[in-house]
N, C-alpha and C. Protein backbone atom coordinates (compact mmCIF):
# COMPACT_ATOMS: atom_id res chain seq x y z
N MET A 1 40.37 -18.93 166.08
CA MET A 1 40.00 -19.15 165.05
C MET A 1 39.90 -18.08 163.43
N ILE A 2 39.36 -16.63 164.83
CA ILE A 2 38.99 -15.55 163.79
C ILE A 2 40.81 -14.76 163.94
N LEU A 3 41.65 -15.11 164.83
CA LEU A 3 43.24 -14.65 164.98
C LEU A 3 43.53 -15.33 163.89
N ARG A 4 43.82 -16.58 163.65
CA ARG A 4 43.82 -17.53 162.66
C ARG A 4 44.05 -16.86 161.22
N GLN A 5 42.35 -16.53 160.87
CA GLN A 5 42.29 -16.06 159.36
C GLN A 5 43.00 -14.26 159.91
N PHE A 6 43.09 -13.64 160.60
CA PHE A 6 43.82 -12.09 160.31
C PHE A 6 44.37 -12.07 160.11
N ASN A 7 45.39 -13.39 160.87
CA ASN A 7 46.83 -13.82 160.55
C ASN A 7 47.10 -13.80 159.35
N ALA A 8 46.02 -14.54 158.48
CA ALA A 8 46.71 -14.95 157.43
C ALA A 8 46.51 -14.11 156.27
N ARG A 9 45.20 -13.30 157.16
CA ARG A 9 45.41 -12.13 155.58
C ARG A 9 46.38 -11.11 155.76
N VAL A 10 46.50 -10.52 157.06
CA VAL A 10 47.45 -9.98 157.27
C VAL A 10 48.99 -10.04 156.51
N GLY A 11 49.29 -11.17 156.47
CA GLY A 11 50.42 -12.14 156.17
C GLY A 11 50.19 -12.32 154.53
N GLU A 12 49.07 -12.91 153.88
CA GLU A 12 49.43 -12.48 152.61
C GLU A 12 49.11 -10.98 152.13
N GLY A 13 48.60 -9.79 152.28
CA GLY A 13 48.19 -8.82 152.18
C GLY A 13 49.69 -8.31 152.04
N VAL A 14 51.23 -8.53 153.01
CA VAL A 14 52.05 -8.19 152.88
C VAL A 14 52.67 -8.65 152.06
N THR A 15 52.35 -10.43 151.64
CA THR A 15 53.15 -10.61 150.72
C THR A 15 52.98 -9.65 148.91
N TYR A 16 51.67 -9.95 149.23
CA TYR A 16 51.32 -9.62 148.15
C TYR A 16 51.64 -7.96 147.28
N ASP A 17 51.41 -7.07 148.66
CA ASP A 17 51.76 -5.71 148.30
C ASP A 17 53.37 -5.69 148.07
N LEU A 18 53.96 -6.59 148.67
CA LEU A 18 56.08 -6.55 148.71
C LEU A 18 56.04 -7.08 147.14
N ARG A 19 55.31 -8.29 146.95
CA ARG A 19 55.61 -8.69 145.61
C ARG A 19 54.97 -7.37 144.59
N VAL A 20 54.10 -6.78 144.29
CA VAL A 20 53.85 -6.15 143.74
C VAL A 20 54.82 -4.77 143.35
N ASN A 21 55.05 -4.25 145.02
CA ASN A 21 56.40 -3.24 144.30
C ASN A 21 57.14 -3.54 144.08
N LEU A 22 58.06 -5.04 144.19
CA LEU A 22 58.97 -5.37 143.60
C LEU A 22 58.94 -5.53 142.10
N PHE A 23 57.73 -5.81 141.39
CA PHE A 23 57.75 -6.27 140.13
C PHE A 23 57.87 -5.11 140.02
N SER A 24 56.72 -3.90 140.21
CA SER A 24 57.20 -2.20 139.51
C SER A 24 58.37 -1.91 139.08
N TYR A 25 59.49 -2.06 140.82
CA TYR A 25 60.22 -1.43 140.69
C TYR A 25 61.52 -2.50 139.57
N LEU A 26 61.06 -3.72 139.68
CA LEU A 26 62.42 -4.06 138.29
C LEU A 26 61.98 -4.10 136.97
N GLN A 27 60.73 -3.91 136.61
CA GLN A 27 59.83 -2.98 135.27
C GLN A 27 60.38 -2.04 134.93
N ARG A 28 61.21 -0.92 136.05
CA ARG A 28 61.69 0.35 136.42
C ARG A 28 63.52 -0.01 135.67
N MET A 29 63.77 -0.88 135.79
CA MET A 29 65.35 -1.22 135.87
C MET A 29 65.80 -1.68 134.42
N SER A 30 67.02 -0.82 134.17
CA SER A 30 67.50 -0.72 133.03
C SER A 30 67.95 -2.17 132.54
N LEU A 31 68.24 -2.27 130.56
CA LEU A 31 68.55 -3.32 130.61
C LEU A 31 69.85 -3.72 131.01
N GLY A 32 70.92 -2.86 131.12
CA GLY A 32 72.03 -3.62 131.92
C GLY A 32 71.99 -3.69 132.72
N PHE A 33 70.94 -3.59 133.43
CA PHE A 33 71.19 -4.59 135.24
C PHE A 33 70.73 -6.04 134.57
N PHE A 34 69.38 -6.29 134.12
CA PHE A 34 69.68 -7.42 133.67
C PHE A 34 70.47 -8.33 133.16
N THR A 35 71.17 -7.82 132.11
CA THR A 35 72.25 -8.54 131.68
C THR A 35 72.99 -8.72 132.06
N ASN A 36 73.57 -7.87 133.60
CA ASN A 36 74.61 -8.76 134.45
C ASN A 36 73.85 -9.12 135.53
N THR A 37 73.06 -9.39 135.66
CA THR A 37 72.60 -10.01 136.90
C THR A 37 72.29 -11.75 136.56
N LYS A 38 72.29 -12.46 137.26
CA LYS A 38 71.45 -13.73 137.04
C LYS A 38 70.28 -13.62 137.54
N ILE A 39 68.84 -13.82 136.58
CA ILE A 39 67.83 -13.92 137.40
C ILE A 39 67.42 -14.70 137.65
N GLY A 40 67.92 -16.39 137.33
CA GLY A 40 67.26 -17.45 138.87
C GLY A 40 67.82 -16.85 140.49
N GLU A 41 68.75 -16.07 140.21
CA GLU A 41 69.49 -15.94 141.92
C GLU A 41 68.94 -14.53 141.63
N LEU A 42 68.54 -13.86 141.26
CA LEU A 42 67.51 -12.90 141.87
C LEU A 42 66.13 -13.02 142.31
N MET A 43 65.43 -14.33 141.02
CA MET A 43 64.31 -14.18 141.83
C MET A 43 64.16 -15.20 142.88
N SER A 44 65.08 -16.01 143.23
CA SER A 44 65.19 -16.92 144.49
C SER A 44 65.61 -15.73 145.35
N ARG A 45 66.17 -14.57 145.23
CA ARG A 45 66.47 -14.03 146.23
C ARG A 45 65.35 -13.22 146.81
N LEU A 46 64.55 -12.65 145.75
CA LEU A 46 63.25 -11.72 145.93
C LEU A 46 61.73 -12.39 146.76
N ASN A 47 61.89 -13.82 146.20
CA ASN A 47 60.97 -14.75 146.95
C ASN A 47 61.31 -14.96 148.34
N ASN A 48 62.61 -15.87 148.43
CA ASN A 48 62.84 -15.55 149.70
C ASN A 48 62.87 -14.37 150.62
N ASP A 49 62.86 -13.34 150.51
CA ASP A 49 63.05 -12.03 151.46
C ASP A 49 61.39 -11.54 151.35
N VAL A 50 60.70 -12.05 150.36
CA VAL A 50 59.14 -11.65 150.57
C VAL A 50 58.61 -12.58 151.71
N ILE A 51 58.86 -13.49 151.50
CA ILE A 51 58.66 -14.91 152.23
C ILE A 51 59.09 -14.42 153.59
N GLY A 52 60.26 -14.42 153.89
CA GLY A 52 60.81 -13.97 155.29
C GLY A 52 59.90 -13.02 155.85
N ALA A 53 59.70 -12.17 154.91
CA ALA A 53 59.10 -10.67 155.69
C ALA A 53 57.09 -11.38 156.27
N GLN A 54 56.86 -11.71 155.50
CA GLN A 54 55.30 -12.50 155.90
C GLN A 54 55.74 -13.18 156.87
N SER A 55 56.13 -14.09 157.30
CA SER A 55 56.84 -14.68 158.45
C SER A 55 56.62 -14.06 159.57
N ALA A 56 58.33 -13.13 159.39
CA ALA A 56 58.22 -12.45 160.55
C ALA A 56 57.12 -11.57 160.83
N ILE A 57 55.90 -10.92 159.74
CA ILE A 57 55.36 -9.75 160.23
C ILE A 57 53.92 -11.17 160.74
N SER A 58 54.00 -11.95 159.96
CA SER A 58 52.75 -13.17 161.35
C SER A 58 52.75 -13.22 162.60
N ASN A 59 54.17 -13.85 162.02
CA ASN A 59 54.58 -15.19 163.65
C ASN A 59 54.84 -13.81 164.93
N THR A 60 55.61 -12.32 164.67
CA THR A 60 55.18 -11.37 165.58
C THR A 60 54.62 -11.18 165.72
N PHE A 61 53.17 -10.19 165.56
CA PHE A 61 51.84 -10.42 165.99
C PHE A 61 51.20 -11.69 166.77
N VAL A 62 50.97 -13.12 166.38
CA VAL A 62 50.77 -14.34 166.90
C VAL A 62 51.45 -13.91 167.90
N ASN A 63 52.76 -14.03 168.09
CA ASN A 63 53.82 -13.92 169.45
C ASN A 63 52.90 -12.86 170.65
N ILE A 64 53.00 -11.33 170.27
CA ILE A 64 52.67 -10.26 170.95
C ILE A 64 50.89 -10.94 171.18
N VAL A 65 50.15 -11.38 170.83
CA VAL A 65 48.41 -11.28 171.08
C VAL A 65 49.32 -12.72 172.29
N THR A 66 49.96 -13.69 171.73
CA THR A 66 50.13 -15.03 173.34
C THR A 66 50.77 -14.48 173.95
N SER A 67 51.71 -13.71 173.91
CA SER A 67 52.29 -13.28 175.16
C SER A 67 51.21 -12.48 175.73
N LEU A 68 50.46 -11.35 175.33
CA LEU A 68 49.80 -10.80 176.51
C LEU A 68 48.48 -11.49 176.98
N ILE A 69 47.87 -12.54 176.49
CA ILE A 69 47.27 -13.41 176.81
C ILE A 69 47.88 -13.80 178.03
N GLN A 70 48.87 -14.55 177.48
CA GLN A 70 49.85 -15.21 178.84
C GLN A 70 50.15 -14.80 179.93
N ALA A 71 50.26 -13.14 180.24
CA ALA A 71 50.59 -12.08 180.55
C ALA A 71 49.17 -12.48 181.51
N ILE A 72 47.74 -12.31 180.65
CA ILE A 72 46.52 -11.73 181.77
C ILE A 72 46.61 -12.71 182.69
N VAL A 73 46.60 -13.91 182.19
CA VAL A 73 46.17 -15.07 182.34
C VAL A 73 47.17 -15.49 184.08
N VAL A 74 47.98 -15.30 183.90
CA VAL A 74 49.24 -15.28 185.48
C VAL A 74 48.96 -14.13 186.18
N VAL A 75 48.59 -13.38 185.50
CA VAL A 75 48.33 -12.32 187.09
C VAL A 75 47.23 -12.81 187.63
N SER A 76 46.26 -12.83 186.49
CA SER A 76 44.22 -13.16 187.74
C SER A 76 45.07 -14.84 188.00
N VAL A 77 45.79 -15.79 187.89
CA VAL A 77 45.62 -16.40 188.85
C VAL A 77 47.04 -16.22 189.65
N MET A 78 48.17 -15.54 189.96
CA MET A 78 48.77 -15.15 190.89
C MET A 78 47.81 -14.47 191.95
N LEU A 79 46.73 -13.55 191.39
CA LEU A 79 45.99 -11.97 192.09
C LEU A 79 45.01 -13.71 192.40
N THR A 80 44.69 -14.41 192.14
CA THR A 80 43.26 -14.94 193.02
C THR A 80 43.96 -15.73 194.12
N LEU A 81 45.72 -16.95 193.98
CA LEU A 81 46.25 -17.60 194.88
C LEU A 81 46.64 -16.15 196.19
N GLU A 82 47.31 -15.27 195.90
CA GLU A 82 48.12 -14.94 197.15
C GLU A 82 48.20 -13.24 196.42
N TRP A 83 47.06 -11.83 196.72
CA TRP A 83 47.47 -11.32 195.93
C TRP A 83 48.59 -9.60 196.52
N ARG A 84 48.61 -10.18 197.99
CA ARG A 84 50.02 -9.17 198.40
C ARG A 84 51.04 -9.22 197.58
N LEU A 85 51.36 -10.58 197.71
CA LEU A 85 52.59 -11.29 196.68
C LEU A 85 52.80 -10.87 195.35
N THR A 86 51.69 -10.80 194.52
CA THR A 86 50.83 -10.31 193.49
C THR A 86 52.06 -9.15 193.25
N LEU A 87 51.47 -7.54 194.57
CA LEU A 87 51.57 -6.65 193.87
C LEU A 87 53.12 -6.10 194.07
N ILE A 88 53.69 -7.17 195.01
CA ILE A 88 54.98 -7.28 195.18
C ILE A 88 55.73 -7.03 194.10
N SER A 89 55.19 -8.19 193.28
CA SER A 89 55.94 -8.45 191.92
C SER A 89 55.96 -8.28 191.33
N ILE A 90 54.80 -7.34 190.92
CA ILE A 90 54.43 -6.28 189.91
C ILE A 90 55.27 -5.35 190.17
N ALA A 91 55.78 -4.96 191.59
CA ALA A 91 55.89 -3.47 191.85
C ALA A 91 57.00 -3.40 191.41
N ILE A 92 58.24 -4.85 191.49
CA ILE A 92 59.49 -5.43 190.78
C ILE A 92 59.81 -5.23 189.59
N VAL A 93 58.49 -5.60 188.81
CA VAL A 93 59.03 -5.39 187.11
C VAL A 93 59.71 -3.86 186.38
N PRO A 94 59.09 -2.34 187.29
CA PRO A 94 60.17 -1.41 186.20
C PRO A 94 61.29 -1.65 186.58
N LEU A 95 62.03 -2.20 188.32
CA LEU A 95 63.41 -2.15 188.44
C LEU A 95 63.54 -3.29 187.40
N LEU A 96 63.53 -4.55 187.40
CA LEU A 96 64.29 -5.24 186.00
C LEU A 96 64.35 -4.75 184.86
N LEU A 97 63.18 -4.06 184.17
CA LEU A 97 63.38 -3.48 183.19
C LEU A 97 64.47 -2.33 183.30
N PHE A 98 64.34 -1.49 183.86
CA PHE A 98 64.89 -0.50 184.39
C PHE A 98 66.84 -1.29 183.71
N ALA A 99 66.89 -1.77 184.85
CA ALA A 99 68.25 -3.14 185.24
C ALA A 99 68.61 -3.88 183.38
N ALA A 100 67.46 -4.29 182.78
CA ALA A 100 67.78 -4.98 181.52
C ALA A 100 68.10 -3.87 180.22
N ARG A 101 67.46 -2.50 180.23
CA ARG A 101 67.86 -1.37 179.41
C ARG A 101 69.09 -1.03 179.78
N SER A 102 69.47 -0.79 181.08
CA SER A 102 71.04 -0.12 181.05
C SER A 102 71.74 -1.50 180.33
N LEU A 103 71.99 -2.74 181.24
CA LEU A 103 72.33 -3.62 180.92
C LEU A 103 72.52 -3.80 178.81
N GLY A 104 71.64 -3.83 178.27
CA GLY A 104 71.40 -3.73 177.01
C GLY A 104 71.83 -2.68 176.50
N LYS A 105 71.98 -1.59 176.94
CA LYS A 105 72.81 -0.54 176.30
C LYS A 105 74.82 -0.72 176.66
N ARG A 106 75.31 -1.52 177.79
CA ARG A 106 76.32 -1.27 177.98
C ARG A 106 77.00 -1.89 176.94
N LEU A 107 75.94 -3.66 176.60
CA LEU A 107 76.43 -4.81 175.65
C LEU A 107 76.56 -3.63 174.17
N ARG A 108 75.48 -3.28 174.00
CA ARG A 108 75.57 -2.92 172.43
C ARG A 108 76.68 -1.89 172.22
N ASP A 109 77.09 -1.08 173.28
CA ASP A 109 78.14 -0.07 173.28
C ASP A 109 79.61 -1.22 173.64
N MET A 110 79.62 -2.08 174.00
CA MET A 110 80.88 -2.97 173.99
C MET A 110 80.95 -3.70 172.57
N THR A 111 80.00 -4.30 171.84
CA THR A 111 79.90 -4.97 170.40
C THR A 111 80.32 -3.90 169.92
N ARG A 112 79.80 -2.65 169.62
CA ARG A 112 80.07 -1.60 168.97
C ARG A 112 81.84 -1.47 168.66
N SER A 113 82.07 -1.16 170.01
CA SER A 113 83.21 -0.60 169.55
C SER A 113 84.42 -1.66 169.43
N ASN A 114 83.99 -3.22 169.51
CA ASN A 114 84.40 -4.53 169.12
C ASN A 114 84.40 -4.64 167.90
N LEU A 115 83.52 -4.35 167.19
CA LEU A 115 83.34 -4.43 165.89
C LEU A 115 84.31 -3.32 164.74
N ILE A 116 84.94 -2.14 165.62
CA ILE A 116 85.66 -2.04 164.91
C ILE A 116 87.09 -2.13 164.20
N PHE A 117 87.05 -3.35 165.32
CA PHE A 117 88.82 -3.65 165.52
C PHE A 117 88.11 -5.21 164.56
N LEU A 118 87.64 -5.71 163.92
CA LEU A 118 87.19 -7.19 163.06
C LEU A 118 87.89 -6.94 161.78
N PRO A 119 88.52 -7.78 161.85
CA PRO A 119 89.24 -7.59 160.29
C PRO A 119 87.94 -7.76 158.87
N ARG A 120 88.59 -7.18 157.95
CA ARG A 120 88.06 -7.37 157.02
C ARG A 120 88.19 -8.01 155.75
């Protein structure tokens, strides 16, 4: 319950700040900008971007907390069942992280090198 309230407060605070900043930014724009821009399209885009940012921030926070709680529960259950196997499993985790990071870097480099030759 407290986590849900905190999540809502953070999400709504981000939404409020983004909308206030966007409104003040739009007020500084020239008249030519509004003459050449479809206002309905602009408002729709701004609204969708603000809502997308709010949901990304809110969902990310909830997912981090949920994953942390799940990891703590899983490790505690593993420790109660067989502590030696749990220690071996935890010792392997850094090796898996290293392998995932190096593979991720290689895939990123391959993707970037292939994007150069894509037709535009």
